Amino acid sequence: MEKENLLFSQKNRRVIKLLKMIDAHIHLDHYNDQEIKDIIERDSSLEALISVSFDLDSSKKNKDLAKVYSKVKPAFGYHPEQTPPTEKQVDELFSWIKSNQNDMVAVGEVGLPYYLRKEQKLTTFQRSQYIELLEAFIKLSKELEKPIVLHAVYEDAPIVCDLLERYSVPKAHFHWFKGDSKTILRMAVNGYYISVTPDVLYEEEIQQLVQSYPLQQIMVETDGPWPFEGPFTEKMTHPSMIKESIKTISEIKKLSIDEVYYHVFYNTKSFFSI
């Protein structure tokens, strides 16, 4: 009840009218310098970007970008769709993250390598390595009291939910999530957040996810520079695409665009404490 009162207070109605937005998941360090400048400066309605990291070098670059651009809010981690790191690399990354924890808003991007496994580019041993690494990241998230940003789709998601529940992690964000209805319900009940990419405009699977998931636990993202299809074919992925995602979410949820803008904006600010 208290949250609902907050949502519709006079003060927050004024916030809605600003129609501000936050890209909840982007690989900003994968763009070139001119593209980054354009992304940051082109759209005044963009308040912030959660720039997730691929590895230690990526984490360092995102930290540097945050020093240059106040809108950049970095997350530090190791993307799972690549060869597992060596023990030395893990030690260096975790040590660096702990030393720079005040400069990040979350641990991420971390998770399990679903697509590598499907393409049979990962051994059974390497998969077990990733489960161990993810567990270490989850424990780190808990230790540092930071949200965790997850790459965990389809049958990998229940494994991740098991680990999150084991360590009672309160803030988990499943970016660009795809999975079965049982797992979706489990995630929603646990209070986990999801984020929706521009493919919500043309992918029925994502539209159904938006229909079933609580709006109070939905954010929007681009996962840029990952390219999209439909109306975005051959266009550079830019946070301005989020506007079309929000419009589609409002149509699916049968709510005003203003309300959806406010909810996803508030959800993201609250989740990442920005």
Protein backbone atom coordinates (compact mmCIF):
# COMPACT_ATOMS: atom_id res chain seq x y z
CA MET A 1 0.00 0.00 0.00
CA GLU A 2 2.81 2.41 0.88
CA LYS A 3 4.47 1.84 -2.50
CA GLU A 4 1.19 2.38 -4.32
CA ASN A 5 0.71 5.66 -2.50
CA LEU A 6 4.20 6.65 -3.58
CA LEU A 7 3.50 5.82 -7.21
CA PHE A 8 0.52 8.08 -7.47
CA SER A 9 1.53 10.95 -5.23
CA GLN A 10 1.37 14.42 -6.73
CA LYS A 11 5.15 14.71 -6.71
CA ASN A 12 5.62 11.51 -8.72
CA ARG A 13 2.92 12.49 -11.19
CA ARG A 14 5.21 15.38 -12.11
CA VAL A 15 8.06 12.88 -12.60
CA ILE A 16 5.91 10.90 -15.01
CA LYS A 17 5.45 13.96 -17.21
CA LEU A 18 9.21 14.19 -17.69
CA LEU A 19 9.15 10.77 -19.40
CA LYS A 20 12.68 9.97 -18.33
CA MET A 21 14.23 6.60 -19.15
CA ILE A 22 17.13 4.39 -18.11
CA ASP A 23 18.78 1.72 -20.24
CA ALA A 24 19.00 -1.10 -17.70
CA HIS A 25 21.55 -3.16 -19.65
CA ILE A 26 24.00 -2.02 -22.31
CA HIS A 27 27.61 -2.86 -23.24
CA LEU A 28 28.65 0.76 -23.69
CA ASP A 29 32.34 -0.11 -23.80
CA HIS A 30 31.73 -2.09 -27.00
CA TYR A 31 30.86 1.09 -28.93
CA ASN A 32 33.47 3.42 -30.41
CA ASP A 33 34.15 6.84 -28.87
CA GLN A 34 31.93 8.78 -31.28
CA GLU A 35 29.05 6.34 -30.84
CA ILE A 36 29.36 6.60 -27.06
CA LYS A 37 29.24 10.40 -27.24
CA ASP A 38 26.16 10.22 -29.45
CA ILE A 39 24.42 7.72 -27.15
CA ILE A 40 25.05 9.90 -24.10
CA GLU A 41 24.20 13.26 -25.64
CA ARG A 42 21.57 12.69 -28.34
CA ASP A 43 18.51 12.10 -26.17
CA SER A 44 17.94 14.38 -23.18
CA SER A 45 15.30 12.00 -21.78
CA LEU A 46 18.00 9.39 -21.13
CA GLU A 47 18.91 9.75 -17.46
CA ALA A 48 21.28 6.82 -17.04
CA LEU A 49 22.73 3.64 -18.54
CA ILE A 50 23.72 0.50 -16.68
CA SER A 51 26.87 -0.47 -18.56
CA VAL A 52 27.67 -4.11 -17.84
CA SER A 53 31.10 -5.63 -18.24
CA PHE A 54 32.53 -8.55 -20.20
CA ASP A 55 35.73 -9.18 -18.22
CA LEU A 56 38.36 -7.28 -16.21
CA ASP A 57 39.47 -5.04 -19.09
CA SER A 58 35.84 -4.28 -19.88
CA SER A 59 35.17 -3.47 -16.22
CA LYS A 60 38.09 -1.04 -16.18
CA LYS A 61 36.86 0.67 -19.32
CA ASN A 62 33.33 1.02 -17.93
CA LYS A 63 34.77 2.52 -14.76
CA ASP A 64 36.68 5.05 -16.88
CA LEU A 65 33.57 5.87 -18.92
CA ALA A 66 31.68 6.57 -15.70
CA LYS A 67 34.34 9.14 -14.77
CA VAL A 68 33.78 10.96 -18.07
CA TYR A 69 29.99 10.63 -18.27
CA SER A 70 27.86 10.92 -15.14
CA LYS A 71 25.02 9.05 -16.84
CA VAL A 72 27.10 5.86 -17.01
CA LYS A 73 26.52 3.50 -14.07
CA PRO A 74 28.91 0.54 -14.38
CA ALA A 75 28.49 -3.08 -13.36
CA PHE A 76 31.56 -5.32 -13.09
CA GLY A 77 31.63 -9.01 -13.98
CA TYR A 78 32.51 -11.73 -16.50
CA HIS A 79 30.16 -12.55 -19.38
CA PRO A 80 29.45 -16.30 -19.56
CA GLU A 81 29.26 -16.70 -23.33
CA GLN A 82 33.04 -17.13 -23.62
CA THR A 83 35.72 -19.53 -22.41
CA PRO A 84 35.77 -19.71 -18.61
CA PRO A 85 38.48 -17.57 -16.98
CA THR A 86 41.57 -19.13 -15.46
CA GLU A 87 41.95 -19.26 -11.69
CA LYS A 88 44.40 -16.37 -11.91
CA GLN A 89 41.96 -14.29 -13.96
CA VAL A 90 39.19 -14.97 -11.43
CA ASP A 91 41.42 -13.94 -8.54
CA GLU A 92 42.47 -10.74 -10.30
CA LEU A 93 38.90 -9.85 -11.25
CA PHE A 94 37.43 -10.47 -7.80
CA SER A 95 40.25 -8.58 -6.11
CA TRP A 96 39.75 -5.63 -8.47
CA ILE A 97 35.97 -5.62 -7.99
CA LYS A 98 36.34 -5.57 -4.22
CA SER A 99 38.81 -2.70 -4.48
CA ASN A 100 36.47 -0.76 -6.77
CA GLN A 101 33.10 -1.72 -5.30
CA ASN A 102 32.18 1.90 -4.58
CA ASP A 103 32.39 2.67 -8.30
CA MET A 104 29.84 0.06 -9.39
CA VAL A 105 26.08 -0.26 -9.07
CA ALA A 106 25.94 -4.04 -9.55
CA VAL A 107 27.80 -7.28 -10.17
CA GLY A 108 27.36 -8.15 -13.82
CA GLU A 109 27.08 -9.40 -16.38
CA VAL A 110 27.40 -12.92 -15.04
CA GLY A 111 25.53 -16.18 -15.50
CA LEU A 112 25.58 -19.43 -17.47
CA PRO A 113 26.65 -20.01 -21.11
CA TYR A 114 23.37 -21.27 -22.61
CA TYR A 115 24.19 -20.41 -26.23
CA LEU A 116 27.73 -21.78 -26.17
CA ARG A 117 26.38 -25.00 -24.71
CA LYS A 118 23.66 -25.23 -27.37
CA GLU A 119 26.29 -24.76 -30.06
CA GLN A 120 28.34 -27.55 -28.41
CA LYS A 121 31.28 -25.19 -27.95
CA LEU A 122 31.55 -25.92 -24.24
CA THR A 123 32.65 -29.09 -22.48
CA THR A 124 30.81 -30.58 -19.51
CA PHE A 125 33.75 -29.62 -17.32
CA GLN A 126 33.67 -26.02 -18.55
CA ARG A 127 29.95 -25.84 -17.77
CA SER A 128 30.63 -27.02 -14.23
CA GLN A 129 33.32 -24.35 -13.99
CA TYR A 130 30.74 -21.74 -14.90
CA ILE A 131 28.31 -22.93 -12.28
CA GLU A 132 31.08 -22.64 -9.68
CA LEU A 133 32.02 -19.19 -10.98
CA LEU A 134 28.41 -18.02 -10.89
CA GLU A 135 28.08 -19.24 -7.31
CA ALA A 136 31.18 -17.21 -6.42
CA PHE A 137 29.70 -14.12 -8.07
CA ILE A 138 26.43 -14.61 -6.20
CA LYS A 139 28.32 -14.86 -2.91
CA LEU A 140 30.25 -11.72 -3.88
CA SER A 141 27.01 -9.89 -4.63
CA LYS A 142 25.70 -10.87 -1.22
CA GLU A 143 28.96 -9.88 0.51
CA LEU A 144 29.14 -6.47 -1.17
CA GLU A 145 25.36 -5.89 -0.87
CA LYS A 146 25.12 -5.16 -4.59
CA PRO A 147 22.45 -6.27 -7.09
CA ILE A 148 23.43 -9.00 -9.52
CA VAL A 149 22.82 -8.82 -13.29
CA LEU A 150 22.25 -12.23 -14.83
CA HIS A 151 22.55 -13.90 -18.21
CA ALA A 152 20.35 -16.94 -17.52
CA VAL A 153 17.76 -18.18 -19.99
CA TYR A 154 15.59 -21.24 -20.58
CA GLU A 155 16.76 -24.34 -18.67
CA ASP A 156 19.69 -22.47 -17.12
CA ALA A 157 17.35 -20.18 -15.19
CA PRO A 158 16.15 -22.73 -12.59
CA ILE A 159 19.80 -23.51 -11.73
CA VAL A 160 20.40 -19.80 -11.16
CA CYS A 161 17.23 -19.49 -9.09
CA ASP A 162 18.45 -22.37 -6.91
CA LEU A 163 21.70 -20.51 -6.21
CA LEU A 164 19.98 -17.18 -5.57
CA GLU A 165 17.62 -18.83 -3.12
CA ARG A 166 20.46 -20.71 -1.40
CA TYR A 167 22.22 -17.43 -0.61
CA SER A 168 19.03 -15.36 -0.11
CA VAL A 169 20.08 -12.75 -2.67
CA PRO A 170 17.43 -10.00 -2.55
CA LYS A 171 18.20 -8.14 -5.79
CA ALA A 172 18.53 -10.23 -8.97
CA HIS A 173 18.05 -8.93 -12.51
CA PHE A 174 17.51 -11.44 -15.32
CA HIS A 175 18.28 -9.42 -18.43
CA TRP A 176 16.55 -10.28 -21.75
CA PHE A 177 14.93 -13.23 -20.05
CA LYS A 178 13.36 -16.16 -21.87
CA GLY A 179 12.03 -19.27 -20.14
CA ASP A 180 9.14 -21.52 -19.17
CA SER A 181 6.04 -20.41 -17.28
CA LYS A 182 6.97 -22.26 -14.08
CA THR A 183 10.31 -20.47 -13.85
CA ILE A 184 8.69 -17.14 -14.72
CA LEU A 185 6.26 -17.53 -11.83
CA ARG A 186 9.08 -18.57 -9.49
CA MET A 187 11.10 -15.50 -10.42
CA ALA A 188 8.16 -13.16 -10.00
CA VAL A 189 7.26 -14.57 -6.58
CA ASN A 190 10.89 -14.24 -5.48
CA GLY A 191 10.86 -10.57 -6.42
CA TYR A 192 13.42 -10.89 -9.20
CA TYR A 193 13.44 -8.30 -11.96
CA ILE A 194 13.54 -8.76 -15.72
CA SER A 195 14.35 -6.32 -18.50
CA VAL A 196 12.83 -6.15 -21.95
CA THR A 197 14.71 -5.37 -25.17
CA PRO A 198 13.37 -3.80 -28.39
CA ASP A 199 12.49 -7.28 -29.67
CA VAL A 200 9.28 -6.93 -27.65
CA LEU A 201 7.94 -5.18 -30.75
CA TYR A 202 8.06 -8.35 -32.86
CA GLU A 203 8.76 -11.42 -30.67
CA GLU A 204 5.61 -13.13 -29.39
CA GLU A 205 7.57 -14.96 -26.68
CA ILE A 206 8.68 -11.66 -25.15
CA GLN A 207 5.22 -10.16 -25.50
CA GLN A 208 3.77 -13.07 -23.54
CA LEU A 209 6.44 -12.60 -20.87
CA VAL A 210 5.50 -8.93 -20.51
CA GLN A 211 1.84 -9.88 -20.27
CA SER A 212 2.43 -12.27 -17.37
CA TYR A 213 5.19 -10.49 -15.42
CA PRO A 214 4.39 -7.82 -12.79
CA LEU A 215 5.05 -4.33 -14.14
CA GLN A 216 6.60 -3.40 -10.79
CA GLN A 217 9.45 -5.84 -11.62
CA ILE A 218 10.05 -4.90 -15.26
CA MET A 219 12.84 -2.71 -16.65
CA VAL A 220 13.82 -1.87 -20.23
CA GLU A 221 17.17 -2.35 -21.93
CA THR A 222 18.89 -2.45 -25.30
CA ASP A 223 21.78 -4.90 -24.69
CA GLY A 224 23.54 -2.71 -27.24
CA PRO A 225 25.38 -2.95 -29.48
CA TRP A 226 23.44 -6.18 -30.14
CA PRO A 227 21.38 -5.49 -33.33
CA PHE A 228 17.61 -5.89 -33.63
CA GLU A 229 15.19 -6.74 -36.41
CA GLY A 230 11.74 -5.47 -37.38
CA PRO A 231 11.68 -1.64 -37.46
CA PHE A 232 15.26 -1.58 -36.15
CA THR A 233 16.83 -3.61 -38.97
CA GLU A 234 20.29 -2.29 -39.95
CA LYS A 235 20.09 0.48 -37.32
CA MET A 236 22.73 1.00 -34.66
CA THR A 237 21.26 -0.06 -31.33
CA HIS A 238 20.61 3.10 -29.33
CA PRO A 239 18.80 3.71 -26.00
CA SER A 240 16.23 5.81 -27.88
CA MET A 241 14.78 2.47 -29.06
CA ILE A 242 13.51 2.04 -25.51
CA LYS A 243 10.71 4.49 -26.28
CA GLU A 244 9.19 2.03 -28.72
CA SER A 245 9.58 -0.79 -26.18
CA ILE A 246 7.71 1.24 -23.57
CA LYS A 247 4.95 2.01 -26.05
CA THR A 248 4.56 -1.71 -26.81
CA ILE A 249 4.57 -2.61 -23.10
CA SER A 250 1.82 -0.07 -22.51
CA GLU A 251 -0.26 -1.66 -25.26
CA ILE A 252 0.27 -5.17 -23.85
CA LYS A 253 -0.49 -4.09 -20.29
CA LYS A 254 -3.37 -1.82 -21.41
CA LEU A 255 -1.92 1.08 -19.43
CA SER A 256 -1.04 4.64 -20.41
CA ILE A 257 2.44 5.27 -21.77
CA ASP A 258 3.03 7.74 -18.92
CA GLU A 259 2.34 5.06 -16.32
CA VAL A 260 4.67 2.56 -17.95
CA TYR A 261 7.38 5.20 -18.29
CA TYR A 262 7.11 5.96 -14.61
CA HIS A 263 7.05 2.35 -13.44
CA VAL A 264 10.07 1.17 -15.45
CA PHE A 265 11.98 4.33 -14.56
CA TYR A 266 11.21 3.98 -10.84
CA ASN A 267 11.90 0.24 -10.93
CA THR A 268 15.38 0.79 -12.39
CA LYS A 269 16.34 3.66 -10.08
CA SER A 270 15.18 1.67 -7.07
CA PHE A 271 16.79 -1.63 -8.11
CA PHE A 272 20.22 -0.14 -8.81
CA SER A 273 20.00 2.56 -6.09
CA ILE A 274 20.79 5.37 -8.53
